Amino acid sequence: MNRRTLLKCCAGLAVVACNNSMAVGAVNYSREIYEEALASGEPFLLDFTASW
């Protein structure tokens, strides 16, 4: 992998990480929703953030 490819990959990952449109279908956490997602057997992602 050359330097240019590495920089393009890093730039692409930065854009994806900052893109809020990836949060389509995101819901606020609750124990009930977590239990439903766990019982469904489908993969899911928990994303935690803090304002500080």
N, C-alpha and C. Protein backbone atom coordinates (compact mmCIF):
# COMPACT_ATOMS: atom_id res chain seq x y z
N MET A 1 0.86 -1.17 0.00
CA MET A 1 0.00 0.00 0.00
C MET A 1 0.91 1.23 0.00
N ASN A 2 0.65 2.11 -0.92
CA ASN A 2 1.47 3.33 -0.95
C ASN A 2 0.82 4.44 -0.12
N ARG A 3 1.53 5.52 0.03
CA ARG A 3 1.09 6.62 0.88
C ARG A 3 -0.22 7.24 0.40
N ARG A 4 -0.37 7.37 -0.91
CA ARG A 4 -1.58 7.98 -1.47
C ARG A 4 -2.81 7.14 -1.16
N THR A 5 -2.69 5.84 -1.30
CA THR A 5 -3.81 4.95 -1.01
C THR A 5 -4.16 5.01 0.47
N LEU A 6 -3.15 5.02 1.32
CA LEU A 6 -3.39 5.11 2.76
C LEU A 6 -4.11 6.41 3.11
N LEU A 7 -3.69 7.53 2.53
CA LEU A 7 -4.33 8.81 2.81
C LEU A 7 -5.77 8.83 2.33
N LYS A 8 -6.03 8.25 1.15
CA LYS A 8 -7.41 8.20 0.64
C LYS A 8 -8.29 7.36 1.56
N CYS A 9 -7.77 6.25 2.03
CA CYS A 9 -8.55 5.39 2.94
C CYS A 9 -8.85 6.11 4.25
N CYS A 10 -7.85 6.78 4.80
CA CYS A 10 -8.05 7.52 6.05
C CYS A 10 -9.06 8.65 5.88
N ALA A 11 -8.97 9.36 4.76
CA ALA A 11 -9.92 10.44 4.50
C ALA A 11 -11.33 9.89 4.34
N GLY A 12 -11.46 8.78 3.66
CA GLY A 12 -12.77 8.15 3.49
C GLY A 12 -13.36 7.70 4.82
N LEU A 13 -12.53 7.12 5.67
CA LEU A 13 -13.01 6.69 6.98
C LEU A 13 -13.42 7.88 7.84
N ALA A 14 -12.69 8.98 7.74
CA ALA A 14 -13.05 10.17 8.50
C ALA A 14 -14.40 10.72 8.06
N VAL A 15 -14.65 10.71 6.77
CA VAL A 15 -15.94 11.20 6.26
C VAL A 15 -17.06 10.30 6.74
N VAL A 16 -16.86 9.01 6.68
CA VAL A 16 -17.89 8.07 7.11
C VAL A 16 -18.14 8.21 8.60
N ALA A 17 -17.08 8.37 9.39
CA ALA A 17 -17.23 8.50 10.84
C ALA A 17 -17.99 9.76 11.23
N CYS A 18 -17.85 10.82 10.46
CA CYS A 18 -18.50 12.09 10.78
C CYS A 18 -19.88 12.23 10.15
N ASN A 19 -20.26 11.29 9.32
CA ASN A 19 -21.52 11.38 8.59
C ASN A 19 -22.66 10.90 9.47
N ASN A 20 -23.59 11.79 9.79
CA ASN A 20 -24.73 11.41 10.62
C ASN A 20 -25.80 10.64 9.87
N SER A 21 -25.71 10.60 8.54
CA SER A 21 -26.74 9.87 7.79
C SER A 21 -26.62 8.37 7.98
N MET A 22 -25.52 7.91 8.57
CA MET A 22 -25.39 6.49 8.86
C MET A 22 -26.33 6.08 9.98
N ALA A 23 -26.85 7.03 10.72
CA ALA A 23 -27.70 6.75 11.86
C ALA A 23 -29.16 6.56 11.46
N VAL A 24 -29.40 6.21 10.22
CA VAL A 24 -30.77 5.97 9.76
C VAL A 24 -31.33 4.80 10.55
N GLY A 25 -32.49 5.00 11.11
CA GLY A 25 -33.11 3.94 11.91
C GLY A 25 -32.61 3.91 13.34
N ALA A 26 -31.81 4.89 13.74
CA ALA A 26 -31.31 4.92 15.10
C ALA A 26 -32.45 5.26 16.06
N VAL A 27 -32.43 4.63 17.20
CA VAL A 27 -33.43 4.88 18.25
C VAL A 27 -32.70 5.11 19.56
N ASN A 28 -33.35 5.81 20.45
CA ASN A 28 -32.78 6.00 21.78
C ASN A 28 -32.82 4.68 22.54
N TYR A 29 -31.79 4.46 23.35
CA TYR A 29 -31.66 3.20 24.09
C TYR A 29 -32.72 3.07 25.15
N SER A 30 -33.28 1.90 25.22
CA SER A 30 -34.09 1.48 26.35
C SER A 30 -33.88 -0.02 26.51
N ARG A 31 -34.07 -0.50 27.69
CA ARG A 31 -33.84 -1.93 27.95
C ARG A 31 -34.77 -2.78 27.10
N GLU A 32 -36.01 -2.34 26.90
CA GLU A 32 -36.97 -3.11 26.11
C GLU A 32 -36.53 -3.23 24.65
N ILE A 33 -36.06 -2.12 24.08
CA ILE A 33 -35.61 -2.14 22.68
C ILE A 33 -34.38 -3.03 22.54
N TYR A 34 -33.49 -2.96 23.53
CA TYR A 34 -32.30 -3.82 23.52
C TYR A 34 -32.70 -5.30 23.55
N GLU A 35 -33.64 -5.64 24.41
CA GLU A 35 -34.10 -7.03 24.51
C GLU A 35 -34.74 -7.49 23.20
N GLU A 36 -35.51 -6.63 22.54
CA GLU A 36 -36.12 -6.97 21.26
C GLU A 36 -35.06 -7.22 20.20
N ALA A 37 -34.06 -6.35 20.15
CA ALA A 37 -32.99 -6.51 19.17
C ALA A 37 -32.20 -7.78 19.43
N LEU A 38 -31.95 -8.09 20.68
CA LEU A 38 -31.22 -9.29 21.04
C LEU A 38 -32.01 -10.54 20.67
N ALA A 39 -33.32 -10.52 20.92
CA ALA A 39 -34.16 -11.67 20.63
C ALA A 39 -34.36 -11.88 19.13
N SER A 40 -34.22 -10.82 18.33
CA SER A 40 -34.46 -10.95 16.89
C SER A 40 -33.39 -11.81 16.21
N GLY A 41 -32.20 -11.88 16.78
CA GLY A 41 -31.13 -12.65 16.16
C GLY A 41 -30.41 -11.91 15.06
N GLU A 42 -30.87 -10.72 14.72
CA GLU A 42 -30.22 -9.90 13.70
C GLU A 42 -29.06 -9.12 14.33
N PRO A 43 -28.03 -8.85 13.55
CA PRO A 43 -26.94 -8.03 14.09
C PRO A 43 -27.40 -6.60 14.35
N PHE A 44 -26.89 -5.99 15.40
CA PHE A 44 -27.21 -4.60 15.70
C PHE A 44 -26.00 -3.95 16.34
N LEU A 45 -26.03 -2.63 16.39
CA LEU A 45 -24.90 -1.86 16.90
C LEU A 45 -25.38 -0.91 17.98
N LEU A 46 -24.69 -0.93 19.10
CA LEU A 46 -24.95 0.05 20.16
C LEU A 46 -23.90 1.13 20.04
N ASP A 47 -24.34 2.37 19.94
CA ASP A 47 -23.42 3.50 19.80
C ASP A 47 -23.63 4.44 20.96
N PHE A 48 -22.59 4.64 21.75
CA PHE A 48 -22.68 5.51 22.91
C PHE A 48 -21.88 6.77 22.67
N THR A 49 -22.45 7.91 23.03
CA THR A 49 -21.76 9.18 22.90
C THR A 49 -21.90 9.97 24.20
N ALA A 50 -21.05 10.95 24.35
CA ALA A 50 -21.11 11.85 25.51
C ALA A 50 -20.86 13.27 25.02
N SER A 51 -21.52 14.21 25.63
CA SER A 51 -21.36 15.59 25.19
C SER A 51 -20.12 16.26 25.77
N TRP A 52 -19.43 15.63 26.68
CA TRP A 52 -18.26 16.24 27.27
C TRP A 52 -17.07 15.83 26.52
